[in-house]
Structure formats: structure tokens, C-alpha cells
């Protein structure tokens, strides 16, 4: 009787430890993938910063064009909304 109880407890413990080991391995793989994704994002941002510093005139021209386009769009919306009210 005592021997059977000991074996049952041992089997339950081995099963739980095996499940815990599998969960830890899955967690480690998940963390590794997140760290890899994070480092790729950082590398991409560093490359973007290098490109900006290498070609500041082109970046400034692009930003200026985007700001001008947005200003023109907002101004035309404002004018059209005033025309509709009148």
C-alpha cells in the first residue's frame, strides 16, 4: 500500500516537472523571438538615422514637401468650409 502510494506520487511529480520543463522551454523560445524582433527594430532605426545623417538635404526637402502638402490641404478645407457656411 505505502509502496503504491509512493509510486503514484512519483509519477505525478515526474509528470508535473515534465510539463513545467516544456512550459519553460516554450517561454524561452518566446522570449528569444521577442528579443530578436526588438534588435531588428533597433537595427532598422539605426539604419534610418544613418541615412538621415548621410543625406540631410533630401530628408529636409521631403519633410518640407510633406508639410507644404498638409498646409495646402488644411487651407483648402478651411476655405471650402467657409464657402459652405456662407
Protein backbone atom coordinates (compact mmCIF):
# COMPACT_ATOMS: atom_id res chain seq x y z
CA UNK A 1 0.00 0.00 0.00
CA UNK A 2 2.71 2.50 1.01
CA UNK A 3 4.80 1.44 -1.95
CA UNK A 4 1.92 2.06 -4.41
CA UNK A 5 1.26 5.49 -2.88
CA UNK A 6 4.94 6.38 -3.25
CA UNK A 7 4.93 5.32 -6.93
CA UNK A 8 1.75 7.30 -7.64
CA UNK A 9 3.22 10.43 -6.03
CA UNK A 10 6.44 9.91 -8.00
CA UNK A 11 4.56 9.57 -11.29
CA UNK A 12 2.53 12.71 -10.55
CA UNK A 13 5.70 14.67 -9.69
CA UNK A 14 7.52 13.50 -12.82
CA UNK A 15 4.51 14.45 -14.96
CA UNK A 16 4.27 17.91 -13.39
CA UNK A 17 8.02 18.52 -13.74
CA UNK A 18 7.90 17.43 -17.37
CA UNK A 19 5.03 19.84 -18.06
CA UNK A 20 6.94 22.58 -16.24
CA UNK A 21 10.04 21.88 -18.32
CA UNK A 22 8.03 22.10 -21.55
CA UNK A 23 6.47 25.38 -20.40
CA UNK A 24 9.91 26.83 -19.58
CA UNK A 25 11.27 25.83 -23.00
CA UNK A 26 8.28 27.43 -24.75
CA UNK A 27 8.75 30.58 -22.64
CA UNK A 28 12.44 30.76 -23.51
CA UNK A 29 11.68 30.41 -27.23
CA UNK A 30 9.06 33.18 -26.96
CA UNK A 31 11.50 35.49 -25.14
CA UNK A 32 14.23 34.76 -27.71
CA UNK A 33 11.89 35.65 -30.57
CA UNK A 34 10.85 38.91 -28.87
CA UNK A 35 14.48 39.89 -28.27
CA UNK A 36 15.36 39.11 -31.90
CA UNK A 37 12.40 41.19 -33.10
CA UNK A 38 13.45 44.05 -30.81
CA UNK A 39 17.04 44.01 -32.04
CA UNK A 40 15.86 44.03 -35.68
CA UNK A 41 13.72 47.10 -34.92
CA UNK A 42 16.68 48.83 -33.32
CA UNK A 43 18.93 48.00 -36.30
CA UNK A 44 16.30 49.37 -38.68
CA UNK A 45 16.05 52.61 -36.69
CA UNK A 46 19.83 52.96 -36.64
CA UNK A 47 19.97 52.48 -40.42
CA UNK A 48 17.27 55.14 -40.84
CA UNK A 49 19.22 57.53 -38.64
CA UNK A 50 22.39 56.87 -40.65
CA UNK A 51 20.51 57.55 -43.88
CA UNK A 52 19.14 60.82 -42.50
CA UNK A 53 22.59 61.98 -41.43
CA UNK A 54 24.11 60.90 -44.75
CA UNK A 55 21.56 62.79 -46.88
CA UNK A 56 20.19 65.70 -44.82
CA UNK A 57 19.21 67.81 -47.84
CA UNK A 58 16.97 65.14 -49.34
CA UNK A 59 15.33 64.46 -45.98
CA UNK A 60 14.74 68.17 -45.38
CA UNK A 61 13.22 68.51 -48.85
CA UNK A 62 10.92 65.54 -48.22
CA UNK A 63 9.81 66.92 -44.87
CA UNK A 64 9.23 70.36 -46.37
CA UNK A 65 7.17 68.90 -49.20
CA UNK A 66 5.06 66.91 -46.76
CA UNK A 67 4.46 69.97 -44.56
CA UNK A 68 3.55 72.10 -47.57
CA UNK A 69 1.13 69.45 -48.85
CA UNK A 70 -0.54 69.21 -45.45
CA UNK A 71 -0.78 73.02 -45.17
CA UNK A 72 -2.36 73.31 -48.62
CA UNK A 73 -4.87 70.57 -47.82
CA UNK A 74 -5.85 72.17 -44.50
CA UNK A 75 -6.14 75.61 -46.10
CA UNK A 76 -8.38 74.30 -48.89
CA UNK A 77 -10.56 72.50 -46.34
CA UNK A 78 -10.86 75.70 -44.33
CA UNK A 79 -11.79 77.73 -47.42
CA UNK A 80 -14.34 75.13 -48.54
CA UNK A 81 -15.94 75.01 -45.09
CA UNK A 82 -16.28 78.84 -45.07
CA UNK A 83 -17.85 78.76 -48.55
CA UNK A 84 -20.42 76.18 -47.42
CA UNK A 85 -21.38 78.29 -44.37
CA UNK A 86 -21.95 81.41 -46.50
